[in-house]
Protein backbone atom coordinates (compact mmCIF):
# COMPACT_ATOMS: atom_id res chain seq x y z
CA MET A 1 141.32 227.41 274.31
CA LYS A 2 143.87 224.83 275.37
CA LEU A 3 147.49 225.61 274.59
CA VAL A 4 150.06 222.81 274.78
CA VAL A 5 153.50 224.38 274.95
CA ASP A 6 157.11 223.29 275.40
CA GLU A 7 158.06 223.91 279.01
CA ASN A 8 161.38 225.26 277.77
CA MET A 9 159.80 228.33 276.14
CA PRO A 10 160.13 231.50 278.22
CA TYR A 11 157.45 234.13 278.81
CA VAL A 12 154.59 231.86 277.76
CA GLN A 13 152.38 232.83 280.70
CA GLN A 14 152.93 236.55 280.11
CA LEU A 15 152.14 236.32 276.41
CA PHE A 16 149.48 233.61 276.07
CA ALA A 17 147.58 233.34 279.39
CA HIS A 18 144.79 235.56 278.07
CA LEU A 19 143.92 232.92 275.46
CA GLY A 20 143.09 230.10 277.85
CA GLU A 21 144.58 227.09 279.65
CA ILE A 22 148.33 226.57 279.23
CA VAL A 23 149.71 223.04 279.58
CA ALA A 24 153.51 223.01 279.73
CA VAL A 25 155.13 219.72 278.67
CA ASN A 26 158.51 218.17 278.05
CA GLY A 27 158.87 218.76 274.33
CA ARG A 28 161.01 215.68 273.83
CA LYS A 29 158.32 213.45 275.38
CA LEU A 30 155.24 215.05 273.83
CA ASP A 31 152.87 212.38 272.48
CA ALA A 32 149.62 212.10 270.56
CA ALA A 33 147.49 211.67 273.68
CA THR A 34 148.79 214.87 275.26
CA VAL A 35 148.12 216.97 272.19
CA ALA A 36 144.81 215.29 271.22
CA ASP A 37 142.58 218.08 272.56
CA ALA A 38 144.90 221.04 272.03
CA ASP A 39 143.73 224.12 270.14
CA ILE A 40 147.23 225.60 269.95
CA LEU A 41 150.57 223.76 269.87
CA LEU A 42 153.83 225.63 270.54
CA VAL A 43 157.06 223.62 270.23
CA ARG A 44 160.82 223.83 269.87
CA SER A 45 163.20 221.79 267.72
CA VAL A 46 163.13 218.74 270.02
CA THR A 47 159.53 217.90 269.07
CA LYS A 48 158.71 216.07 265.84
CA VAL A 49 155.46 217.55 264.57
CA ASN A 50 153.97 215.04 262.14
CA GLU A 51 151.03 212.75 261.53
CA ALA A 52 152.03 210.43 264.37
CA LEU A 53 151.82 213.30 266.83
CA LEU A 54 148.65 214.93 265.50
CA ARG A 55 146.61 211.93 264.32
CA ASP A 56 144.13 212.11 267.22
CA ASN A 57 143.69 215.87 267.16
CA HIS A 58 140.78 217.21 265.11
CA LYS A 59 140.59 220.77 266.44
CA LEU A 60 144.11 222.18 266.14
CA GLN A 61 144.04 225.81 265.01
CA PHE A 62 147.73 226.73 265.00
CA VAL A 63 151.20 225.22 265.31
CA GLY A 64 154.13 227.44 266.18
CA SER A 65 157.81 226.63 266.57
CA ALA A 66 160.03 229.08 268.42
CA THR A 67 162.96 228.14 266.20
CA ILE A 68 164.72 229.19 263.03
CA GLY A 69 164.72 225.73 261.44
CA THR A 70 161.71 223.65 260.41
CA ASP A 71 163.35 220.25 259.87
CA HIS A 72 161.37 218.89 262.84
CA VAL A 73 158.01 219.82 261.31
CA ASP A 74 156.15 217.99 258.53
CA LEU A 75 155.04 221.09 256.68
CA ASP A 76 153.30 219.13 253.92
CA TYR A 77 151.17 217.31 256.47
CA LEU A 78 150.15 220.56 258.18
CA ALA A 79 149.31 222.12 254.82
CA ALA A 80 147.22 219.10 253.82
CA ARG A 81 145.19 219.53 256.99
CA ASN A 82 144.99 223.32 256.61
CA ILE A 83 146.65 223.87 259.98
CA PRO A 84 148.39 227.27 260.05
CA PHE A 85 152.07 227.14 260.97
CA SER A 86 154.64 229.75 261.90
CA ASN A 87 158.23 229.59 263.06
CA ALA A 88 160.58 232.33 264.23
CA PRO A 89 163.26 232.93 261.59
CA GLY A 90 166.00 235.22 262.83
CA CYS A 91 164.83 235.17 266.45
CA ASN A 92 168.17 233.99 267.81
CA ALA A 93 170.48 235.06 264.98
CA THR A 94 172.15 237.74 267.10
CA SER A 95 172.61 235.26 269.93
CA VAL A 96 174.25 232.67 267.66
CA GLY A 97 176.41 235.32 266.02
CA GLU A 98 177.71 236.52 269.37
CA TYR A 99 178.23 232.95 270.64
CA VAL A 100 180.43 232.14 267.64
CA PHE A 101 182.32 235.43 267.95
CA ILE A 102 183.01 234.77 271.64
CA ALA A 103 184.05 231.17 270.88
CA LEU A 104 186.54 232.46 268.32
CA LEU A 105 187.99 234.95 270.80
CA GLU A 106 188.30 232.14 273.35
CA LEU A 107 190.10 229.92 270.84
CA ALA A 108 192.43 232.77 269.89
CA ALA A 109 193.31 233.30 273.55
CA LYS A 110 193.78 229.58 274.13
CA TYR A 111 196.15 229.18 271.20
CA GLY A 112 198.01 232.46 271.63
CA THR A 113 197.03 234.11 268.38
CA SER A 114 194.83 236.96 267.19
CA LEU A 115 191.44 236.41 265.62
CA LYS A 116 192.29 239.15 263.12
CA GLN A 117 195.04 236.95 261.71
CA ARG A 118 192.55 234.31 260.56
CA THR A 119 190.15 234.08 257.64
CA VAL A 120 186.74 232.75 258.63
CA GLY A 121 184.62 230.65 256.28
CA ILE A 122 180.91 230.89 257.03
CA VAL A 123 178.88 228.02 255.60
CA GLY A 124 175.29 229.21 255.38
CA ALA A 125 174.56 232.88 254.70
CA GLY A 126 171.08 233.08 256.20
CA ASN A 127 170.14 234.91 259.38
CA THR A 128 172.66 233.30 261.73
CA GLY A 129 175.51 233.15 259.23
CA THR A 130 174.95 236.81 258.41
CA ALA A 131 174.96 237.68 262.12
CA VAL A 132 178.36 235.97 262.48
CA ALA A 133 179.64 237.85 259.44
CA ASN A 134 178.44 241.16 260.90
CA CYS A 135 180.29 240.56 264.17
CA LEU A 136 183.48 239.67 262.34
CA LYS A 137 183.17 242.61 259.95
CA ALA A 138 182.79 244.99 262.89
CA TYR A 139 186.02 243.63 264.37
CA GLY A 140 187.87 243.66 261.06
CA VAL A 141 188.15 239.92 260.42
CA ALA A 142 188.23 238.60 256.84
CA THR A 143 185.33 236.29 255.93
CA LEU A 144 184.24 234.11 253.01
CA LEU A 145 180.58 233.12 252.64
CA CYS A 146 179.25 229.88 251.18
CA ASP A 147 175.59 229.28 250.38
CA PRO A 148 174.78 227.43 247.13
CA PRO A 149 170.97 227.95 247.33
CA LYS A 150 171.39 231.70 247.80
CA ALA A 151 173.97 231.80 245.01
CA ARG A 152 171.43 230.27 242.61
CA GLN A 153 168.78 232.70 243.82
CA GLY A 154 170.98 235.66 242.84
CA ASP A 155 172.13 236.85 246.26
CA ASN A 156 174.19 239.98 245.63
CA ARG A 157 176.94 239.03 248.08
CA ARG A 158 180.05 237.23 246.89
CA LEU A 159 179.49 233.55 247.66
CA TYR A 160 182.13 230.86 247.32
CA PRO A 161 182.00 227.07 246.85
CA LEU A 162 182.52 224.97 249.96
CA ALA A 163 185.74 223.58 248.47
CA THR A 164 187.17 227.11 248.37
CA LEU A 165 186.41 227.66 252.05
CA LEU A 166 188.00 224.36 253.03
CA HIS A 167 191.12 225.25 251.05
CA GLU A 168 191.51 228.89 252.08
CA CYS A 169 189.93 229.45 255.48
CA ASP A 170 191.54 229.12 258.91
CA VAL A 171 188.10 228.83 260.53
CA ILE A 172 184.98 227.00 259.32
CA THR A 173 181.71 227.81 261.09
CA LEU A 174 178.45 226.07 260.13
CA HIS A 175 175.07 227.82 259.89
CA VAL A 176 172.91 225.67 257.63
CA PRO A 177 169.52 224.00 258.11
CA LEU A 178 169.46 220.23 258.32
CA THR A 179 168.25 218.73 255.04
CA GLU A 180 168.64 215.19 253.74
CA THR A 181 167.11 214.80 250.29
CA ASP A 182 167.56 217.90 248.11
CA VAL A 183 170.48 218.83 245.89
CA ASP A 184 172.00 220.85 248.73
CA ALA A 185 171.49 218.20 251.42
CA THR A 186 173.40 219.15 254.56
CA HIS A 187 173.25 215.86 256.46
CA HIS A 188 176.92 214.93 257.00
CA LEU A 189 177.91 217.92 254.88
CA LEU A 190 181.29 217.62 256.55
CA ASP A 191 182.10 213.96 256.06
CA ALA A 192 185.47 212.27 256.56
CA GLN A 193 186.83 213.50 253.22
CA ARG A 194 185.91 217.15 253.83
CA LEU A 195 187.10 217.02 257.42
CA GLN A 196 190.47 215.77 256.22
CA ALA A 197 190.54 218.68 253.77
CA LEU A 198 190.51 221.29 256.56
CA LYS A 199 193.58 223.50 256.58
CA PRO A 200 196.32 222.74 259.11
CA GLY A 201 195.42 224.37 262.41
CA CYS A 202 191.83 225.00 261.32
CA TRP A 203 189.18 225.88 263.90
CA LEU A 204 185.82 224.17 263.32
CA ILE A 205 182.63 225.59 264.85
CA ASN A 206 179.19 223.97 264.69
CA ALA A 207 176.20 225.91 265.97
CA SER A 208 173.64 224.65 263.45
CA ARG A 209 172.62 220.97 263.75
CA GLY A 210 174.74 218.11 265.03
CA GLU A 211 174.07 215.93 261.99
CA VAL A 212 175.67 218.48 259.65
CA ILE A 213 178.99 216.91 260.70
CA ASP A 214 179.59 213.16 260.68
CA ASN A 215 180.43 212.95 264.39
CA GLN A 216 182.07 209.54 264.21
CA ALA A 217 184.25 210.71 261.32
CA LEU A 218 185.09 213.86 263.28
CA ILE A 219 186.34 211.75 266.19
CA ARG A 220 188.63 209.77 263.87
CA VAL A 221 189.94 212.87 262.09
CA LYS A 222 190.50 214.77 265.32
CA GLN A 223 192.47 211.85 266.74
CA GLN A 224 194.64 211.84 263.62
CA ARG A 225 194.87 215.64 263.44
CA PRO A 226 195.19 217.25 266.86
CA ASP A 227 195.94 220.52 265.04
CA ILE A 228 192.19 220.99 264.45
CA ALA A 229 190.38 222.94 267.19
CA LEU A 230 186.70 222.33 267.90
CA ALA A 231 183.90 224.43 269.39
CA LEU A 232 180.72 222.38 269.28
CA ASP A 233 177.27 223.41 270.45
CA VAL A 234 175.29 220.72 268.63
CA TRP A 235 175.68 216.94 268.48
CA GLU A 236 174.47 213.90 266.66
CA GLY A 237 172.20 211.89 268.95
CA GLU A 238 171.08 214.79 271.14
CA PRO A 239 170.41 214.72 274.04
CA ASN A 240 173.07 212.00 274.21
CA PRO A 241 176.25 213.35 272.63
CA ILE A 242 179.16 211.00 272.07
CA SER A 243 181.30 211.38 275.19
CA GLU A 244 184.48 210.80 273.23
CA LEU A 245 183.74 213.80 271.04
CA VAL A 246 182.90 216.02 274.00
CA ALA A 247 186.32 215.20 275.43
CA LEU A 248 188.01 216.13 272.15
CA ALA A 249 186.30 219.52 271.83
CA ASP A 250 188.01 222.69 273.01
CA PHE A 251 184.62 224.15 273.91
CA ALA A 252 181.43 222.12 274.29
CA THR A 253 177.91 223.28 275.11
CA PRO A 254 174.39 221.71 275.00
CA HIS A 255 172.76 223.38 271.98
CA ILE A 256 172.50 226.79 273.63
CA ALA A 257 174.22 229.06 271.08
CA GLY A 258 170.86 230.72 270.43
CA TYR A 259 169.83 230.70 274.07
CA SER A 260 170.37 234.29 275.04
CA LEU A 261 167.48 235.67 277.04
CA GLU A 262 166.82 238.08 274.18
CA GLY A 263 166.87 235.33 271.53
CA ARG A 264 164.53 233.03 273.42
CA ALA A 265 162.16 235.89 274.20
CA ARG A 266 162.09 236.95 270.54
CA GLY A 267 161.14 233.43 269.49
CA THR A 268 158.16 233.30 271.83
CA LEU A 269 157.21 236.90 271.01
CA MET A 270 157.18 236.20 267.26
CA LEU A 271 154.73 233.34 267.77
CA TYR A 272 152.61 235.55 270.01
CA ALA A 273 152.50 238.25 267.32
CA LYS A 274 151.54 235.74 264.61
CA LEU A 275 148.81 234.15 266.72
CA GLN A 276 147.40 237.50 267.81
CA GLN A 277 147.24 238.53 264.15
CA MET A 278 145.55 235.27 263.17
CA LEU A 279 142.94 235.72 265.91
CA GLY A 280 142.37 239.36 265.05
CA LEU A 281 143.74 240.58 268.38
CA ALA A 282 146.05 243.51 269.02
CA GLN A 283 149.68 242.92 269.96
CA THR A 284 150.16 244.64 273.31
CA GLN A 285 153.48 243.12 274.46
CA THR A 286 156.98 244.06 273.31
CA LEU A 287 160.45 242.66 273.93
CA ALA A 288 161.18 245.48 276.37
CA ASP A 289 158.16 244.45 278.44
CA LEU A 290 159.61 240.97 278.95
CA LEU A 291 163.34 241.42 279.55
CA PRO A 292 164.77 242.23 282.99
CA MET A 293 167.36 244.96 283.33
CA ARG A 294 170.97 244.01 284.00
CA TRP A 295 172.29 245.13 287.35
CA ASN A 296 175.39 246.49 285.57
CA ARG A 297 173.81 248.19 282.60
CA ARG A 298 176.53 250.78 281.93
CA LEU A 299 180.28 250.54 281.66
CA GLU A 300 182.70 253.39 281.01
CA ILE A 301 185.51 252.89 278.51
CA ASN A 302 188.36 255.27 277.75
CA ALA A 303 189.90 253.65 274.67
CA ALA A 304 189.35 250.88 272.16
CA PRO A 305 190.11 247.58 273.87
CA THR A 306 192.86 245.19 272.89
CA GLU A 307 191.75 241.69 271.89
CA SER A 308 192.36 240.35 275.38
CA ALA A 309 190.41 243.28 276.84
CA LEU A 310 187.63 242.67 274.30
CA LEU A 311 187.41 239.05 275.43
CA ALA A 312 187.18 240.22 279.03
CA LEU A 313 184.38 242.60 278.02
CA CYS A 314 182.53 239.79 276.26
CA ARG A 315 182.95 237.56 279.30
CA PHE A 316 181.39 240.33 281.37
CA VAL A 317 178.20 239.76 279.36
CA TYR A 318 178.53 236.00 278.79
CA ASP A 319 181.36 233.70 279.84
CA LEU A 320 181.33 230.68 277.54
CA ARG A 321 183.78 228.87 279.79
CA ASP A 322 181.14 228.51 282.50
CA ASP A 323 178.79 226.58 280.23
CA ASP A 324 181.67 224.50 278.88
CA ARG A 325 182.74 223.45 282.39
CA GLN A 326 179.20 222.67 283.47
CA PHE A 327 178.42 220.67 280.34
CA ARG A 328 181.48 218.47 280.75
CA LYS A 329 180.31 217.59 284.25
CA ILE A 330 176.77 216.62 283.30
CA HIS A 331 176.66 215.48 279.67
CA GLN A 332 176.68 211.75 280.53
CA ILE A 333 173.93 212.03 283.17
CA PRO A 334 170.48 211.10 281.76
CA GLY A 335 168.24 214.14 281.43
CA GLU A 336 170.88 216.72 282.30
CA PHE A 337 171.47 217.85 278.70
CA ASP A 338 167.87 219.11 278.55
CA ASN A 339 167.92 220.35 282.15
CA MET A 340 170.90 222.55 281.40
CA ARG A 341 169.08 224.00 278.41
CA LYS A 342 165.86 224.49 280.37
CA ASN A 343 167.63 226.33 283.17
CA HIS A 344 169.83 228.44 280.92
CA ARG A 345 168.59 231.87 281.91
CA HIS A 346 171.80 233.78 282.67
CA ARG A 347 173.00 234.71 279.22
CA ARG A 348 172.40 238.14 277.74
CA GLU A 349 173.37 239.70 274.41
CA PHE A 350 175.92 242.49 273.95
CA SER A 351 173.07 245.00 273.63
CA ALA A 352 172.22 244.48 277.32
CA LEU A 353 175.41 246.34 278.25
CA ALA A 354 175.72 250.06 277.49
CA LEU A 355 179.25 251.35 276.94
CA GLU A 356 179.83 254.98 277.78
CA ASN A 357 182.66 256.28 275.63
CA LEU A 358 184.62 259.00 277.40
CA SER A 359 187.18 259.52 274.63
CA GLY A 360 184.73 260.11 271.80
CA SER A 361 186.60 258.15 269.13
CA GLY A 362 187.97 254.81 268.12
CA VAL A 363 185.21 252.63 269.52
CA ASP A 364 182.44 252.82 266.95
CA TRP A 365 183.18 249.21 266.02
CA LEU A 366 182.10 248.15 269.51
CA PHE A 367 178.66 249.57 268.84
CA GLU A 368 178.63 247.88 265.42
CA LEU A 369 179.50 244.66 267.25
CA GLY A 370 176.24 245.02 269.17
CA PHE A 371 177.00 246.81 272.42
CA SER A 372 174.68 249.69 273.15
CA GLY A 373 175.90 253.02 274.46
CA VAL A 374 176.62 256.64 273.76
CA HIS A 375 179.55 258.94 273.09
CA ARG A 376 180.26 261.61 275.64
């Protein structure tokens, strides 16, 4: 077999080498000629999988995308050709949830307030939106959820209209797929009118897709309303974000909210499991087999941390400021947006750090937040 895979996917050799030849490619530059003789195609969101890409391939047995979203894949075309497809829903939900939680703690520290004093509106109540809600619930932060498709499907959670979130919430964080044609189209979901409707002093977070916000409108609104704070991980025109918007953001990163080592490994592992099942082979690898151990796996705590101490604890696992500083240096250099993503191997999730509780009480919420550990 010949496997054509995005070079940005981790653990490919460990998981797929037994199947045949692996050809690692730049997913953004993948073309029809390169994939013409592939038996297996494994991509990420930067590759458009459609007729133009696959027109010369007559032997493809499987397409996998190590992503939550599928807006980059022509599912109807794959179905018409009877090419099996699988993605990795939920693979990086924990990673995105923790990224947003850390970004909110950083904004609270920057503006001299407490996160617990703010109400957070979560637009999109799927895997990533739910992960954000779980982090905030563990810390005791009020949240409102908005998800019209899930509301129509009878989701048993209380779901609010977007207008309610814009009117009532001090934070808006976006966790929707990118869609353009259906009744719930999310392309430019936050247009100029909705951006102007944000509450005074609102914090706006986008860790979904750049096109969910009208970036040009956001620049104009931000210039008129410096009270709005921005933490942006995704951008219209990736990998070429608008420099003016990067400068206006409080925190800016290159589409790496889901790029914890755990999240990326889960995405590849989910495709491995699906392909092994399709081929009738046993799954012999687990997440634990892939991940390295942290050098500082355990940390003793004697009492529940204050918010500033909690931020310091989060920074011990992942310091968002490092990626923000690096991104501002390189975002205008051709190719460096993708290089930063490709080389992003330092981030771990809260679960990588075990907290040893010496007091025996008052810290259960830290474990609910995602840290591992034991009482003693």
